[in-house]
Structure formats: structure tokens, C-alpha cells
C-alpha atoms as a PDB file:
ATOM      1  CA  MET A   1     -47.042 -58.146 -63.889  1.00  0.00           C
ATOM      2  CA  PRO A   2     -43.524 -57.632 -65.546  1.00  0.00           C
ATOM      3  CA  GLN A   3     -42.922 -54.138 -67.240  1.00  0.00           C
ATOM      4  CA  PRO A   4     -42.511 -54.285 -71.074  1.00  0.00           C
ATOM      5  CA  ASN A   5     -38.899 -53.572 -70.726  1.00  0.00           C
ATOM      6  CA  ASP A   6     -38.387 -56.598 -68.581  1.00  0.00           C
ATOM      7  CA  ARG A   7     -36.731 -59.739 -70.075  1.00  0.00           C
ATOM      8  CA  PRO A   8     -39.358 -62.418 -70.690  1.00  0.00           C
ATOM      9  CA  ILE A   9     -39.569 -65.619 -68.550  1.00  0.00           C
ATOM     10  CA  ARG A  10     -37.639 -68.123 -70.626  1.00  0.00           C
ATOM     11  CA  LEU A  11     -39.459 -71.590 -70.815  1.00  0.00           C
ATOM     12  CA  LEU A  12     -38.194 -75.002 -71.564  1.00  0.00           C
ATOM     13  CA  VAL A  13     -41.201 -77.279 -72.688  1.00  0.00           C
ATOM     14  CA  VAL A  14     -40.748 -81.019 -72.138  1.00  0.00           C
ATOM     15  CA  ASP A  15     -43.443 -83.419 -73.573  1.00  0.00           C
ATOM     16  CA  ASP A  16     -43.356 -86.441 -75.933  1.00  0.00           C
ATOM     17  CA  HIS A  17     -46.448 -85.156 -77.926  1.00  0.00           C
ATOM     18  CA  PRO A  18     -45.712 -82.605 -80.446  1.00  0.00           C
ATOM     19  CA  MET A  19     -49.249 -81.192 -80.495  1.00  0.00           C
ATOM     20  CA  MET A  20     -49.182 -80.623 -76.894  1.00  0.00           C
ATOM     21  CA  ARG A  21     -45.754 -78.753 -77.233  1.00  0.00           C
ATOM     22  CA  ALA A  22     -47.650 -76.559 -79.934  1.00  0.00           C
ATOM     23  CA  GLY A  23     -50.550 -75.907 -77.684  1.00  0.00           C
ATOM     24  CA  ILE A  24     -48.409 -74.853 -74.978  1.00  0.00           C
ATOM     25  CA  GLY A  25     -46.330 -72.656 -77.430  1.00  0.00           C
ATOM     26  CA  ALA A  26     -49.596 -71.014 -78.674  1.00  0.00           C
ATOM     27  CA  VAL A  27     -50.662 -70.211 -74.926  1.00  0.00           C
ATOM     28  CA  VAL A  28     -47.197 -68.845 -74.259  1.00  0.00           C
ATOM     29  CA  GLY A  29     -46.872 -67.092 -77.611  1.00  0.00           C
ATOM     30  CA  ALA A  30     -49.895 -64.883 -76.575  1.00  0.00           C
ATOM     31  CA  GLN A  31     -48.075 -63.512 -73.544  1.00  0.00           C
ATOM     32  CA  ALA A  32     -45.491 -60.611 -73.797  1.00  0.00           C
ATOM     33  CA  ASP A  33     -43.807 -61.509 -70.673  1.00  0.00           C
ATOM     34  CA  MET A  34     -42.775 -65.271 -71.558  1.00  0.00           C
ATOM     35  CA  THR A  35     -41.176 -67.234 -74.447  1.00  0.00           C
ATOM     36  CA  VAL A  36     -40.406 -70.728 -75.385  1.00  0.00           C
ATOM     37  CA  VAL A  37     -36.535 -71.121 -75.851  1.00  0.00           C
ATOM     38  CA  ALA A  38     -36.517 -74.904 -76.352  1.00  0.00           C
ATOM     39  CA  GLU A  39     -38.680 -77.964 -76.815  1.00  0.00           C
ATOM     40  CA  ALA A  40     -37.823 -81.604 -75.628  1.00  0.00           C
ATOM     41  CA  GLY A  41     -39.632 -85.057 -76.254  1.00  0.00           C
ATOM     42  CA  ASP A  42     -38.124 -86.814 -73.314  1.00  0.00           C
ATOM     43  CA  GLY A  43     -36.069 -86.524 -70.359  1.00  0.00           C
ATOM     44  CA  VAL A  44     -32.688 -87.145 -71.909  1.00  0.00           C
ATOM     45  CA  GLU A  45     -33.308 -84.337 -74.360  1.00  0.00           C
ATOM     46  CA  ALA A  46     -34.654 -82.226 -71.501  1.00  0.00           C
ATOM     47  CA  LEU A  47     -31.289 -82.291 -69.557  1.00  0.00           C
ATOM     48  CA  ALA A  48     -29.273 -81.365 -72.436  1.00  0.00           C
ATOM     49  CA  LEU A  49     -31.573 -78.489 -73.411  1.00  0.00           C
ATOM     50  CA  PHE A  50     -31.485 -77.465 -69.710  1.00  0.00           C
ATOM     51  CA  ASP A  51     -27.722 -77.282 -69.807  1.00  0.00           C
ATOM     52  CA  GLN A  52     -27.740 -75.426 -72.860  1.00  0.00           C
ATOM     53  CA  HIS A  53     -30.304 -72.829 -72.242  1.00  0.00           C
ATOM     54  CA  ALA A  54     -30.710 -72.564 -68.536  1.00  0.00           C
ATOM     55  CA  PRO A  55     -34.465 -71.730 -68.753  1.00  0.00           C
ATOM     56  CA  ASP A  56     -36.172 -69.578 -65.921  1.00  0.00           C
ATOM     57  CA  VAL A  57     -39.020 -72.314 -65.662  1.00  0.00           C
ATOM     58  CA  THR A  58     -39.226 -75.782 -67.015  1.00  0.00           C
ATOM     59  CA  LEU A  59     -42.764 -77.465 -68.001  1.00  0.00           C
ATOM     60  CA  MET A  60     -42.268 -81.279 -67.568  1.00  0.00           C
ATOM     61  CA  ASP A  61     -44.499 -83.944 -68.714  1.00  0.00           C
ATOM     62  CA  LEU A  62     -44.312 -87.207 -66.392  1.00  0.00           C
ATOM     63  CA  GLN A  63     -44.877 -90.067 -68.818  1.00  0.00           C
ATOM     64  CA  MET A  64     -42.310 -90.041 -71.553  1.00  0.00           C
ATOM     65  CA  PRO A  65     -39.877 -92.634 -73.290  1.00  0.00           C
ATOM     66  CA  ARG A  66     -36.294 -92.882 -72.481  1.00  0.00           C
ATOM     67  CA  MET A  67     -36.357 -91.038 -69.176  1.00  0.00           C
ATOM     68  CA  ASN A  68     -39.525 -90.075 -67.530  1.00  0.00           C
ATOM     69  CA  GLY A  69     -40.475 -86.725 -66.026  1.00  0.00           C
ATOM     70  CA  LEU A  70     -39.681 -87.713 -62.385  1.00  0.00           C
ATOM     71  CA  ALA A  71     -36.111 -88.854 -63.223  1.00  0.00           C
ATOM     72  CA  ALA A  72     -35.639 -85.839 -65.077  1.00  0.00           C
ATOM     73  CA  ILE A  73     -36.706 -83.542 -62.339  1.00  0.00           C
ATOM     74  CA  GLY A  74     -34.448 -85.146 -60.083  1.00  0.00           C
ATOM     75  CA  ALA A  75     -31.591 -84.879 -62.480  1.00  0.00           C
ATOM     76  CA  ILE A  76     -32.203 -81.224 -63.200  1.00  0.00           C
ATOM     77  CA  ARG A  77     -32.465 -80.292 -59.571  1.00  0.00           C
ATOM     78  CA  ALA A  78     -29.096 -82.123 -58.978  1.00  0.00           C
ATOM     79  CA  ARG A  79     -27.741 -79.981 -61.597  1.00  0.00           C
ATOM     80  CA  ASP A  80     -29.187 -76.785 -60.246  1.00  0.00           C
ATOM     81  CA  PRO A  81     -31.185 -76.991 -56.978  1.00  0.00           C
ATOM     82  CA  ALA A  82     -32.643 -73.599 -57.614  1.00  0.00           C
ATOM     83  CA  ALA A  83     -34.440 -74.863 -60.931  1.00  0.00           C
ATOM     84  CA  ARG A  84     -38.238 -73.957 -61.053  1.00  0.00           C
ATOM     85  CA  ILE A  85     -40.363 -76.819 -62.616  1.00  0.00           C
ATOM     86  CA  ILE A  86     -43.932 -77.300 -63.402  1.00  0.00           C
ATOM     87  CA  VAL A  87     -45.281 -80.813 -63.966  1.00  0.00           C
ATOM     88  CA  LEU A  88     -47.892 -80.989 -66.728  1.00  0.00           C
ATOM     89  CA  THR A  89     -49.904 -84.266 -66.635  1.00  0.00           C
ATOM     90  CA  THR A  90     -52.964 -85.784 -67.618  1.00  0.00           C
ATOM     91  CA  TYR A  91     -52.775 -87.891 -64.300  1.00  0.00           C
ATOM     92  CA  ARG A  92     -54.873 -86.415 -61.456  1.00  0.00           C
ATOM     93  CA  GLY A  93     -53.212 -89.158 -59.276  1.00  0.00           C
ATOM     94  CA  ASP A  94     -51.982 -87.932 -55.797  1.00  0.00           C
ATOM     95  CA  VAL A  95     -49.084 -90.292 -55.624  1.00  0.00           C
ATOM     96  CA  ASN A  96     -47.604 -88.564 -58.804  1.00  0.00           C
ATOM     97  CA  ALA A  97     -48.131 -85.225 -57.386  1.00  0.00           C
ATOM     98  CA  LEU A  98     -46.409 -86.075 -54.145  1.00  0.00           C
ATOM     99  CA  ARG A  99     -43.524 -87.624 -56.048  1.00  0.00           C
ATOM    100  CA  ALA A 100     -42.999 -84.673 -58.305  1.00  0.00           C
ATOM    101  CA  LEU A 101     -43.018 -82.212 -55.538  1.00  0.00           C
ATOM    102  CA  LYS A 102     -40.765 -84.404 -53.614  1.00  0.00           C
ATOM    103  CA  ALA A 103     -38.440 -84.530 -56.521  1.00  0.00           C
ATOM    104  CA  GLY A 104     -38.308 -80.795 -56.445  1.00  0.00           C
ATOM    105  CA  ALA A 105     -41.251 -79.655 -58.775  1.00  0.00           C
ATOM    106  CA  SER A 106     -42.653 -76.192 -57.976  1.00  0.00           C
ATOM    107  CA  GLY A 107     -46.062 -76.734 -59.610  1.00  0.00           C
ATOM    108  CA  TYR A 108     -48.463 -79.486 -60.774  1.00  0.00           C
ATOM    109  CA  LEU A 109     -50.792 -78.676 -63.562  1.00  0.00           C
ATOM    110  CA  LEU A 110     -53.374 -80.999 -65.262  1.00  0.00           C
ATOM    111  CA  LYS A 111     -53.035 -80.780 -69.113  1.00  0.00           C
ATOM    112  CA  ASN A 112     -56.742 -80.191 -69.440  1.00  0.00           C
ATOM    113  CA  THR A 113     -56.554 -77.017 -67.572  1.00  0.00           C
ATOM    114  CA  ILE A 114     -53.567 -75.540 -69.497  1.00  0.00           C
ATOM    115  CA  ARG A 115     -55.509 -72.818 -71.217  1.00  0.00           C
ATOM    116  CA  LYS A 116     -56.960 -71.671 -68.110  1.00  0.00           C
ATOM    117  CA  ASP A 117     -53.994 -72.095 -65.274  1.00  0.00           C
ATOM    118  CA  LEU A 118     -50.779 -72.284 -67.239  1.00  0.00           C
ATOM    119  CA  VAL A 119     -50.031 -68.582 -67.399  1.00  0.00           C
ATOM    120  CA  ALA A 120     -50.815 -68.014 -63.680  1.00  0.00           C
ATOM    121  CA  ALA A 121     -48.669 -71.126 -62.881  1.00  0.00           C
ATOM    122  CA  ILE A 122     -45.761 -70.083 -64.879  1.00  0.00           C
ATOM    123  CA  ARG A 123     -45.675 -66.495 -63.247  1.00  0.00           C
ATOM    124  CA  ASP A 124     -46.224 -67.749 -59.705  1.00  0.00           C
ATOM    125  CA  VAL A 125     -43.430 -70.366 -60.007  1.00  0.00           C
ATOM    126  CA  HIS A 126     -41.102 -67.720 -61.628  1.00  0.00           C
ATOM    127  CA  VAL A 127     -41.179 -65.621 -58.717  1.00  0.00           C
ATOM    128  CA  GLY A 128     -40.611 -68.517 -56.258  1.00  0.00           C
ATOM    129  CA  LYS A 129     -44.102 -69.327 -55.273  1.00  0.00           C
ATOM    130  CA  ARG A 130     -45.722 -72.932 -55.620  1.00  0.00           C
ATOM    131  CA  PHE A 131     -48.652 -73.651 -57.990  1.00  0.00           C
ATOM    132  CA  ILE A 132     -50.825 -76.739 -57.332  1.00  0.00           C
ATOM    133  CA  ALA A 133     -53.826 -76.976 -59.700  1.00  0.00           C
ATOM    134  CA  PRO A 134     -57.209 -76.527 -57.774  1.00  0.00           C
ATOM    135  CA  GLU A 135     -58.313 -79.864 -58.916  1.00  0.00           C
ATOM    136  CA  MET A 136     -55.088 -81.483 -57.439  1.00  0.00           C
ATOM    137  CA  ALA A 137     -55.484 -79.502 -54.227  1.00  0.00           C
ATOM    138  CA  LEU A 138     -58.754 -80.901 -53.589  1.00  0.00           C
ATOM    139  CA  GLU A 139     -57.494 -84.537 -54.445  1.00  0.00           C
ATOM    140  CA  LEU A 140     -54.665 -84.235 -52.159  1.00  0.00           C
ATOM    141  CA  SER A 141     -56.841 -82.993 -49.422  1.00  0.00           C
ATOM    142  CA  ARG A 142     -59.141 -85.984 -50.002  1.00  0.00           C
ATOM    143  CA  ARG A 143     -56.291 -88.532 -49.770  1.00  0.00           C
ATOM    144  CA  VAL A 144     -54.272 -87.091 -47.028  1.00  0.00           C
ATOM    145  CA  THR A 145     -55.723 -89.482 -44.423  1.00  0.00           C
ATOM    146  CA  ASP A 146     -55.916 -92.419 -46.660  1.00  0.00           C
ATOM    147  CA  GLU A 147     -53.915 -95.591 -45.712  1.00  0.00           C
ATOM    148  CA  GLN A 148     -51.118 -96.170 -48.142  1.00  0.00           C
ATOM    149  CA  LEU A 149     -50.157 -99.219 -49.758  1.00  0.00           C
ATOM    150  CA  SER A 150     -47.065-100.862 -48.580  1.00  0.00           C
ATOM    151  CA  PRO A 151     -44.112-101.586 -50.838  1.00  0.00           C
ATOM    152  CA  ARG A 152     -44.965-105.134 -51.311  1.00  0.00           C
ATOM    153  CA  GLU A 153     -48.683-104.348 -51.823  1.00  0.00           C
ATOM    154  CA  MET A 154     -47.413-101.836 -54.548  1.00  0.00           C
ATOM    155  CA  GLU A 155     -45.530-104.886 -56.189  1.00  0.00           C
ATOM    156  CA  VAL A 156     -48.488-106.977 -56.122  1.00  0.00           C
ATOM    157  CA  ILE A 157     -50.918-104.437 -57.934  1.00  0.00           C
ATOM    158  CA  GLY A 158     -48.302-103.629 -60.335  1.00  0.00           C
ATOM    159  CA  GLU A 159     -47.837-107.442 -61.153  1.00  0.00           C
ATOM    160  CA  VAL A 160     -51.646-107.833 -61.269  1.00  0.00           C
ATOM    161  CA  ALA A 161     -51.826-104.701 -63.654  1.00  0.00           C
ATOM    162  CA  ALA A 162     -49.130-106.411 -65.844  1.00  0.00           C
ATOM    163  CA  GLY A 163     -51.602-109.531 -66.200  1.00  0.00           C
ATOM    164  CA  GLY A 164     -51.672-112.926 -64.489  1.00  0.00           C
ATOM    165  CA  ALA A 165     -53.760-114.901 -61.872  1.00  0.00           C
ATOM    166  CA  ASN A 166     -52.522-114.841 -58.157  1.00  0.00           C
ATOM    167  CA  LYS A 167     -50.484-118.009 -58.928  1.00  0.00           C
ATOM    168  CA  GLN A 168     -48.537-116.136 -61.816  1.00  0.00           C
ATOM    169  CA  VAL A 169     -48.168-113.183 -59.549  1.00  0.00           C
ATOM    170  CA  ALA A 170     -46.934-115.246 -56.643  1.00  0.00           C
ATOM    171  CA  ASP A 171     -44.325-117.194 -58.972  1.00  0.00           C
ATOM    172  CA  ARG A 172     -43.171-113.838 -60.275  1.00  0.00           C
ATOM    173  CA  LEU A 173     -42.602-112.395 -56.687  1.00  0.00           C
ATOM    174  CA  GLY A 174     -41.397-115.597 -55.180  1.00  0.00           C
ATOM    175  CA  VAL A 175     -44.112-115.900 -52.662  1.00  0.00           C
ATOM    176  CA  SER A 176     -47.202-118.153 -51.846  1.00  0.00           C
ATOM    177  CA  GLU A 177     -50.356-117.867 -53.695  1.00  0.00           C
ATOM    178  CA  GLU A 178     -52.190-117.391 -50.190  1.00  0.00           C
ATOM    179  CA  THR A 179     -49.805-114.595 -49.570  1.00  0.00           C
ATOM    180  CA  VAL A 180     -50.857-112.677 -52.721  1.00  0.00           C
ATOM    181  CA  LYS A 181     -54.359-113.338 -51.856  1.00  0.00           C
ATOM    182  CA  THR A 182     -53.853-111.733 -48.421  1.00  0.00           C
ATOM    183  CA  HIS A 183     -52.223-108.626 -50.081  1.00  0.00           C
ATOM    184  CA  MET A 184     -54.954-108.344 -52.698  1.00  0.00           C
ATOM    185  CA  LYS A 185     -57.608-108.281 -49.795  1.00  0.00           C
ATOM    186  CA  SER A 186     -55.628-105.363 -48.080  1.00  0.00           C
ATOM    187  CA  ILE A 187     -55.327-103.514 -51.336  1.00  0.00           C
ATOM    188  CA  LEU A 188     -58.998-103.818 -52.289  1.00  0.00           C
ATOM    189  CA  SER A 189     -59.751-102.294 -48.745  1.00  0.00           C
ATOM    190  CA  LYS A 190     -57.190 -99.646 -48.759  1.00  0.00           C
ATOM    191  CA  LEU A 191     -58.234 -98.481 -52.465  1.00  0.00           C
ATOM    192  CA  GLY A 192     -61.994 -98.993 -51.678  1.00  0.00           C
ATOM    193  CA  ALA A 193     -62.111-101.347 -54.697  1.00  0.00           C
ATOM    194  CA  ASN A 194     -64.698-104.190 -55.305  1.00  0.00           C
ATOM    195  CA  ASP A 195     -62.459-106.377 -57.461  1.00  0.00           C
ATOM    196  CA  ARG A 196     -59.004-106.637 -58.990  1.00  0.00           C
ATOM    197  CA  LEU A 197     -59.855-104.711 -62.119  1.00  0.00           C
ATOM    198  CA  GLN A 198     -61.353-101.807 -60.210  1.00  0.00           C
ATOM    199  CA  ALA A 199     -58.159-101.814 -57.873  1.00  0.00           C
ATOM    200  CA  VAL A 200     -56.026-101.685 -60.898  1.00  0.00           C
ATOM    201  CA  VAL A 201     -57.842 -98.790 -62.463  1.00  0.00           C
ATOM    202  CA  ILE A 202     -57.966 -96.903 -59.130  1.00  0.00           C
ATOM    203  CA  ALA A 203     -54.229 -97.431 -58.749  1.00  0.00           C
ATOM    204  CA  MET A 204     -53.463 -96.201 -62.294  1.00  0.00           C
ATOM    205  CA  ARG A 205     -55.693 -93.122 -61.933  1.00  0.00           C
ATOM    206  CA  ARG A 206     -53.928 -92.176 -58.498  1.00  0.00           C
ATOM    207  CA  GLY A 207     -50.440 -92.710 -60.037  1.00  0.00           C
ATOM    208  CA  ILE A 208     -49.764 -95.589 -57.732  1.00  0.00           C
ATOM    209  CA  ILE A 209     -48.700 -97.654 -60.727  1.00  0.00           C
ATOM    210  CA  SER A 210     -48.142 -96.625 -64.403  1.00  0.00           C
ATOM    211  CA  ASP A 211     -50.137 -97.893 -67.402  1.00  0.00           C
ATOM    212  CA  ASP A 212     -46.897 -98.542 -69.233  1.00  0.00           C
ATOM    213  CA  PHE A 213     -47.339-102.404 -69.763  1.00  0.00           C
END
């Protein structure tokens, strides 16, 4: 624990929901060893404020307008390879967790655990450790042996989520309807889904596709 005379941990909070930023601010405000120096509503604002304030730790949402969290993480890390970033998300999806960590995030925290885990996550990441929410660690361990969707299968499930029957999906992807049916059969098997709708729900929950349709 930092001593009273130490400089507080300076935080940049990035989330497109003002109420979420306010909630984070309330949790952080109760701590003597950390302070919020700036808030951003999307990735574009986050880059500008990161350059301006050089925060010790950035708290980053994933789903945002203009520039999403994954893109912002990559851009920030390109500016400063030592930047310390914690992803804050409502998504338990392991795919998003892996993408965020590969992009350079040091922590991954579910928004519904902020009051319980945020302070510890900030302190851990600030001193160079990684912090993965216990719920996410369990999810990752469950999925580590899962067979992954191929790039084409990810395209197919994304098109199915956007709406349309097999023929419409085939036309959009420039393949035969039979090919789409074959891909869907494989997707259902890999995701453990019983039908197209369940496959879409599972793919969204795991972060394989987004719900921005």
C-alpha cells in the first residue's frame, strides 16, 4: 500500500456511458492513493487525453462509438509500449479477453464486479502485475481446449447475426448456399448450439461477434 506522501495513481477512464464513469469515479474517489485525471467517451477522445495527461493506468471499455476499445488499446500501446490498461466490460466472452490481452491490456474486469475488484486491479496493474477477473479466469480455463471457429465460419455467423437466411448469407459472401449450410453445421457443433439463434447468442456472449447490428 502506498504511503500518504506518495503521488496518487493517475487514472484515465474511458467509457461511453456517463453513469459508468461516475460510478468508477465514486469508487476511485474513496481511495487516498488514486485519482481520476480525465474521462473519455470513446477511443478517439481517449487517445487525445492519453497524450495530454499520460495517466499511470487507463480503464478502457470495449464497446464504444467512433473507435472501440480494442483499437484504442492498440493505438495507445503504439504510442507508449509501457502503457498500463485495464479493460472494463460487460462481456464475459473469452474471445474479447484474449483480443484485449493480445492488444496489450494488463487487466480484464467485468463491470458488475467493479465495486469488488476495481481497486485491487488498479493497484496490481500499476505495479506491473496482471489482473484477470476470477470469473474471466474460469471462463478462459473452460474454453482453452475449445475448437475455434475458422475465419470463414466467423464471417458466416456474423452474417447470420446480421439477419438473413442461408441464401442471403451465401449471396453476401459470394459462396453457394450449400457451403453456408456446411459452415453452419460446423459452427453449431463447435459452439455446442442447437440452432442458428442459439449459435448467435453464444457467439455474442463469448465475444466472437459483437451485437452492433
